[in-house]
C-alpha atoms as a PDB file:
ATOM      1  CA  MET A   1       0.000   0.000   0.000  1.00  0.00           C
ATOM      2  CA  GLY A   2       2.780   2.450   0.897  1.00  0.00           C
ATOM      3  CA  HIS A   3       4.423   2.268  -2.513  1.00  0.00           C
ATOM      4  CA  GLY A   4       1.254   3.499  -4.245  1.00  0.00           C
ATOM      5  CA  LEU A   5       0.862   6.689  -2.205  1.00  0.00           C
ATOM      6  CA  ARG A   6       1.693  10.138  -3.418  1.00  0.00           C
ATOM      7  CA  ALA A   7       3.926  12.238  -1.195  1.00  0.00           C
ATOM      8  CA  LEU A   8       1.244  14.743  -0.183  1.00  0.00           C
ATOM      9  CA  VAL A   9      -1.601  12.257   0.387  1.00  0.00           C
ATOM     10  CA  GLY A  10      -1.859  10.589   3.762  1.00  0.00           C
ATOM     11  CA  MET A  11      -3.016   7.081   4.546  1.00  0.00           C
ATOM     12  CA  GLU A  12      -6.416   8.173   5.880  1.00  0.00           C
ATOM     13  CA  GLN A  13      -7.210  10.247   2.807  1.00  0.00           C
ATOM     14  CA  SER A  14      -6.200   7.459   0.438  1.00  0.00           C
ATOM     15  CA  ASP A  15      -8.319   4.989   2.454  1.00  0.00           C
ATOM     16  CA  HIS A  16     -11.335   7.300   2.172  1.00  0.00           C
ATOM     17  CA  GLN A  17     -10.772   7.765  -1.544  1.00  0.00           C
ATOM     18  CA  ARG A  18     -10.511   4.028  -2.070  1.00  0.00           C
ATOM     19  CA  ALA A  19     -13.654   3.353  -0.018  1.00  0.00           C
ATOM     20  CA  TYR A  20     -15.541   6.016  -1.998  1.00  0.00           C
ATOM     21  CA  ASN A  21     -14.390   4.619  -5.338  1.00  0.00           C
ATOM     22  CA  MET A  22     -15.368   1.090  -4.317  1.00  0.00           C
ATOM     23  CA  SER A  23     -18.878   1.972  -3.138  1.00  0.00           C
ATOM     24  CA  THR A  24     -20.460   5.291  -4.076  1.00  0.00           C
ATOM     25  CA  GLY A  25     -18.230   6.162  -7.007  1.00  0.00           C
ATOM     26  CA  TYR A  26     -18.602   2.715  -8.543  1.00  0.00           C
ATOM     27  CA  LYS A  27     -22.407   2.818  -8.343  1.00  0.00           C
ATOM     28  CA  MET A  28     -22.545   6.245  -9.947  1.00  0.00           C
ATOM     29  CA  ASN A  29     -20.123   5.250 -12.725  1.00  0.00           C
ATOM     30  CA  GLU A  30     -22.039   2.033 -13.375  1.00  0.00           C
ATOM     31  CA  GLU A  31     -25.289   3.935 -13.754  1.00  0.00           C
ATOM     32  CA  ARG A  32     -23.716   6.204 -16.367  1.00  0.00           C
ATOM     33  CA  ARG A  33     -22.107   3.234 -18.174  1.00  0.00           C
ATOM     34  CA  LEU A  34     -25.461   1.437 -18.346  1.00  0.00           C
ATOM     35  CA  ARG A  35     -27.106   4.577 -19.648  1.00  0.00           C
ATOM     36  CA  LYS A  36     -24.549   4.668 -22.468  1.00  0.00           C
ATOM     37  CA  THR A  37     -24.920   1.016 -23.398  1.00  0.00           C
ATOM     38  CA  THR A  38     -28.717   1.048 -23.229  1.00  0.00           C
ATOM     39  CA  ALA A  39     -28.942   4.282 -25.233  1.00  0.00           C
ATOM     40  CA  SER A  40     -27.377   2.596 -28.244  1.00  0.00           C
ATOM     41  CA  SER A  41     -27.921  -1.014 -29.087  1.00  0.00           C
ATOM     42  CA  THR A  42     -25.674  -3.153 -26.921  1.00  0.00           C
ATOM     43  CA  ASP A  43     -24.579  -5.443 -29.736  1.00  0.00           C
ATOM     44  CA  GLU A  44     -23.643  -2.561 -32.010  1.00  0.00           C
ATOM     45  CA  PHE A  45     -21.582  -0.898 -29.253  1.00  0.00           C
ATOM     46  CA  LYS A  46     -19.710  -4.101 -28.425  1.00  0.00           C
ATOM     47  CA  GLU A  47     -19.077  -4.861 -32.093  1.00  0.00           C
ATOM     48  CA  ARG A  48     -17.640  -1.454 -32.697  1.00  0.00           C
ATOM     49  CA  SER A  49     -15.533  -0.923 -29.588  1.00  0.00           C
ATOM     50  CA  LYS A  50     -14.749  -4.386 -28.211  1.00  0.00           C
ATOM     51  CA  LYS A  51     -14.515  -2.877 -24.709  1.00  0.00           C
ATOM     52  CA  ALA A  52     -16.679  -1.485 -21.940  1.00  0.00           C
ATOM     53  CA  SER A  53     -18.123   1.979 -22.345  1.00  0.00           C
ATOM     54  CA  LYS A  54     -16.616   4.872 -20.413  1.00  0.00           C
ATOM     55  CA  HIS A  55     -18.631   6.507 -17.672  1.00  0.00           C
ATOM     56  CA  SER A  56     -17.877  10.135 -18.677  1.00  0.00           C
ATOM     57  CA  HIS A  57     -17.403   9.976 -22.426  1.00  0.00           C
ATOM     58  CA  ASP A  58     -20.154  12.203 -23.798  1.00  0.00           C
ATOM     59  CA  LYS A  59     -22.262  15.172 -22.741  1.00  0.00           C
ATOM     60  CA  SER A  60     -25.279  13.179 -21.558  1.00  0.00           C
ATOM     61  CA  GLN A  61     -23.081  11.239 -19.126  1.00  0.00           C
ATOM     62  CA  VAL A  62     -21.473  14.430 -17.807  1.00  0.00           C
ATOM     63  CA  VAL A  63     -24.923  15.983 -17.345  1.00  0.00           C
ATOM     64  CA  ARG A  64     -26.000  12.865 -15.448  1.00  0.00           C
ATOM     65  CA  LEU A  65     -22.838  13.101 -13.315  1.00  0.00           C
ATOM     66  CA  SER A  66     -23.744  16.660 -12.284  1.00  0.00           C
ATOM     67  CA  GLU A  67     -27.311  15.526 -11.497  1.00  0.00           C
ATOM     68  CA  GLN A  68     -25.972  12.674  -9.353  1.00  0.00           C
ATOM     69  CA  ILE A  69     -23.649  14.998  -7.454  1.00  0.00           C
ATOM     70  CA  LEU A  70     -26.434  17.522  -6.841  1.00  0.00           C
ATOM     71  CA  ASP A  71     -28.791  14.769  -5.652  1.00  0.00           C
ATOM     72  CA  ARG A  72     -26.189  13.426  -3.236  1.00  0.00           C
ATOM     73  CA  SER A  73     -25.308  16.903  -1.953  1.00  0.00           C
ATOM     74  CA  ARG A  74     -28.995  17.677  -1.329  1.00  0.00           C
ATOM     75  CA  ALA A  75     -29.371  14.390   0.521  1.00  0.00           C
ATOM     76  CA  PHE A  76     -26.270  15.142   2.589  1.00  0.00           C
ATOM     77  CA  VAL A  77     -27.462  18.647   3.502  1.00  0.00           C
ATOM     78  CA  GLY A  78     -30.892  17.255   4.391  1.00  0.00           C
ATOM     79  CA  ALA A  79     -29.395  14.567   6.610  1.00  0.00           C
ATOM     80  CA  LEU A  80     -27.008  17.050   8.211  1.00  0.00           C
ATOM     81  CA  SER A  81     -29.678  19.639   8.915  1.00  0.00           C
ATOM     82  CA  SER A  82     -31.985  17.010  10.427  1.00  0.00           C
ATOM     83  CA  ALA A  83     -29.185  15.587  12.592  1.00  0.00           C
ATOM     84  CA  VAL A  84     -27.838  18.962  13.694  1.00  0.00           C
ATOM     85  CA  ASP A  85     -30.175  21.894  14.129  1.00  0.00           C
ATOM     86  CA  LEU A  86     -28.247  24.493  12.145  1.00  0.00           C
ATOM     87  CA  ASP A  87     -29.629  27.971  11.738  1.00  0.00           C
ATOM     88  CA  ILE A  88     -27.937  28.889   8.474  1.00  0.00           C
ATOM     89  CA  PRO A  89     -29.319  32.135   7.041  1.00  0.00           C
ATOM     90  CA  SER A  90     -30.081  32.452   3.360  1.00  0.00           C
ATOM     91  CA  ILE A  91     -28.332  34.959   1.112  1.00  0.00           C
ATOM     92  CA  SER A  92     -31.407  37.195   1.033  1.00  0.00           C
ATOM     93  CA  ASP A  93     -31.542  37.214   4.851  1.00  0.00           C
ATOM     94  CA  ILE A  94     -27.860  38.193   4.976  1.00  0.00           C
ATOM     95  CA  ASN A  95     -28.433  40.989   2.448  1.00  0.00           C
ATOM     96  CA  LYS A  96     -31.433  42.315   4.397  1.00  0.00           C
ATOM     97  CA  ALA A  97     -29.567  42.300   7.709  1.00  0.00           C
ATOM     98  CA  GLY A  98     -26.453  43.977   6.309  1.00  0.00           C
ATOM     99  CA  ARG A  99     -22.768  43.186   6.076  1.00  0.00           C
ATOM    100  CA  ARG A 100     -21.754  43.993   9.628  1.00  0.00           C
ATOM    101  CA  VAL A 101     -24.228  41.850  11.579  1.00  0.00           C
ATOM    102  CA  GLN A 102     -21.562  39.519  12.945  1.00  0.00           C
ATOM    103  CA  ASP A 103     -19.303  42.458  13.828  1.00  0.00           C
ATOM    104  CA  LYS A 104     -22.141  44.097  15.764  1.00  0.00           C
ATOM    105  CA  GLU A 105     -22.891  40.827  17.554  1.00  0.00           C
ATOM    106  CA  ASN A 106     -19.224  40.349  18.485  1.00  0.00           C
ATOM    107  CA  LEU A 107     -19.025  43.939  19.790  1.00  0.00           C
ATOM    108  CA  ARG A 108     -22.176  43.446  21.882  1.00  0.00           C
ATOM    109  CA  ILE A 109     -20.738  40.275  23.431  1.00  0.00           C
ATOM    110  CA  GLN A 110     -17.427  42.018  24.130  1.00  0.00           C
ATOM    111  CA  ILE A 111     -19.189  44.934  25.846  1.00  0.00           C
ATOM    112  CA  GLU A 112     -21.252  42.518  27.951  1.00  0.00           C
ATOM    113  CA  ARG A 113     -18.061  40.747  29.070  1.00  0.00           C
ATOM    114  CA  VAL A 114     -16.343  44.012  29.999  1.00  0.00           C
ATOM    115  CA  ASP A 115     -19.418  45.176  31.951  1.00  0.00           C
ATOM    116  CA  ALA A 116     -19.611  41.834  33.771  1.00  0.00           C
ATOM    117  CA  ALA A 117     -15.920  42.060  34.706  1.00  0.00           C
ATOM    118  CA  ALA A 118     -16.386  45.658  35.913  1.00  0.00           C
ATOM    119  CA  SER A 119     -19.346  44.677  38.083  1.00  0.00           C
ATOM    120  CA  ARG A 120     -17.210  42.087  39.875  1.00  0.00           C
ATOM    121  CA  LEU A 121     -14.586  44.649  40.978  1.00  0.00           C
ATOM    122  CA  THR A 122     -14.438  45.236  44.754  1.00  0.00           C
ATOM    123  CA  SER A 123     -12.117  48.249  44.883  1.00  0.00           C
ATOM    124  CA  GLN A 124     -13.530  51.651  45.799  1.00  0.00           C
ATOM    125  CA  PRO A 125     -12.520  54.883  44.042  1.00  0.00           C
ATOM    126  CA  LEU A 126     -10.362  57.160  46.216  1.00  0.00           C
ATOM    127  CA  ASP A 127     -11.178  60.827  46.819  1.00  0.00           C
ATOM    128  CA  ILE A 128      -8.831  63.471  48.192  1.00  0.00           C
ATOM    129  CA  ASN A 129      -9.965  62.985  51.832  1.00  0.00           C
ATOM    130  CA  ALA A 130      -9.383  59.232  51.661  1.00  0.00           C
ATOM    131  CA  ILE A 131      -5.897  59.813  50.255  1.00  0.00           C
ATOM    132  CA  GLU A 132      -5.031  62.302  53.063  1.00  0.00           C
ATOM    133  CA  ASN A 133      -6.292  59.906  55.756  1.00  0.00           C
ATOM    134  CA  LEU A 134      -4.301  57.051  54.230  1.00  0.00           C
ATOM    135  CA  ALA A 135      -1.148  59.219  54.135  1.00  0.00           C
ATOM    136  CA  LYS A 136      -1.572  60.306  57.772  1.00  0.00           C
ATOM    137  CA  SER A 137      -2.185  56.792  59.024  1.00  0.00           C
ATOM    138  CA  THR A 138       0.705  55.166  57.126  1.00  0.00           C
ATOM    139  CA  ARG A 139       3.892  54.865  59.174  1.00  0.00           C
ATOM    140  CA  LEU A 140       7.086  55.703  57.341  1.00  0.00           C
ATOM    141  CA  THR A 141       9.454  52.777  57.310  1.00  0.00           C
ATOM    142  CA  ASN A 142      12.361  54.027  55.259  1.00  0.00           C
ATOM    143  CA  ASP A 143      13.592  56.768  57.694  1.00  0.00           C
ATOM    144  CA  VAL A 144      15.419  54.284  59.926  1.00  0.00           C
ATOM    145  CA  THR A 145      17.446  52.760  57.155  1.00  0.00           C
ATOM    146  CA  PHE A 146      18.146  55.932  55.164  1.00  0.00           C
ATOM    147  CA  VAL A 147      21.835  56.680  54.838  1.00  0.00           C
ATOM    148  CA  GLY A 148      22.686  59.853  52.995  1.00  0.00           C
ATOM    149  CA  ASP A 149      25.978  61.180  51.659  1.00  0.00           C
ATOM    150  CA  PRO A 150      26.873  64.219  53.845  1.00  0.00           C
ATOM    151  CA  VAL A 151      28.444  66.037  50.906  1.00  0.00           C
ATOM    152  CA  LEU A 152      25.298  65.789  48.822  1.00  0.00           C
ATOM    153  CA  LEU A 153      23.108  66.724  51.767  1.00  0.00           C
ATOM    154  CA  ASN A 154      25.148  69.881  52.471  1.00  0.00           C
ATOM    155  CA  LYS A 155      24.846  71.015  48.840  1.00  0.00           C
ATOM    156  CA  LYS A 156      21.077  70.945  49.051  1.00  0.00           C
END
């Protein structure tokens, strides 16, 4: 298995590709092949080509391929939306609401967080009287250990 891998494709991706090609991809290709062989007479096609028909050889097969892909994508979106309740707005809803709806929502959430953080603060704002009282009641601790240079002190 390792010798068949490309450098940029991992084991998991190659396993998924192989599983897809063996189940879903094969069924879709077979449907298009059968459409080709039943569209023309089977004997005439085999006489002329001596091989199996290709699954994407002409326009009708490519059109059928796009129909198959759209059908499968619709089924996937339907299954996803029923499994997970997604509220995905339509393009017209986005255009009506405006370009900056998500920016406004993010700003509102940010302001709510800042206000919630500010409401949890326990500190009180200081006024001039509170500062004077705090200064008078605080004992100076650096006077005992202060050692000054007498030359510098005399200059002042």
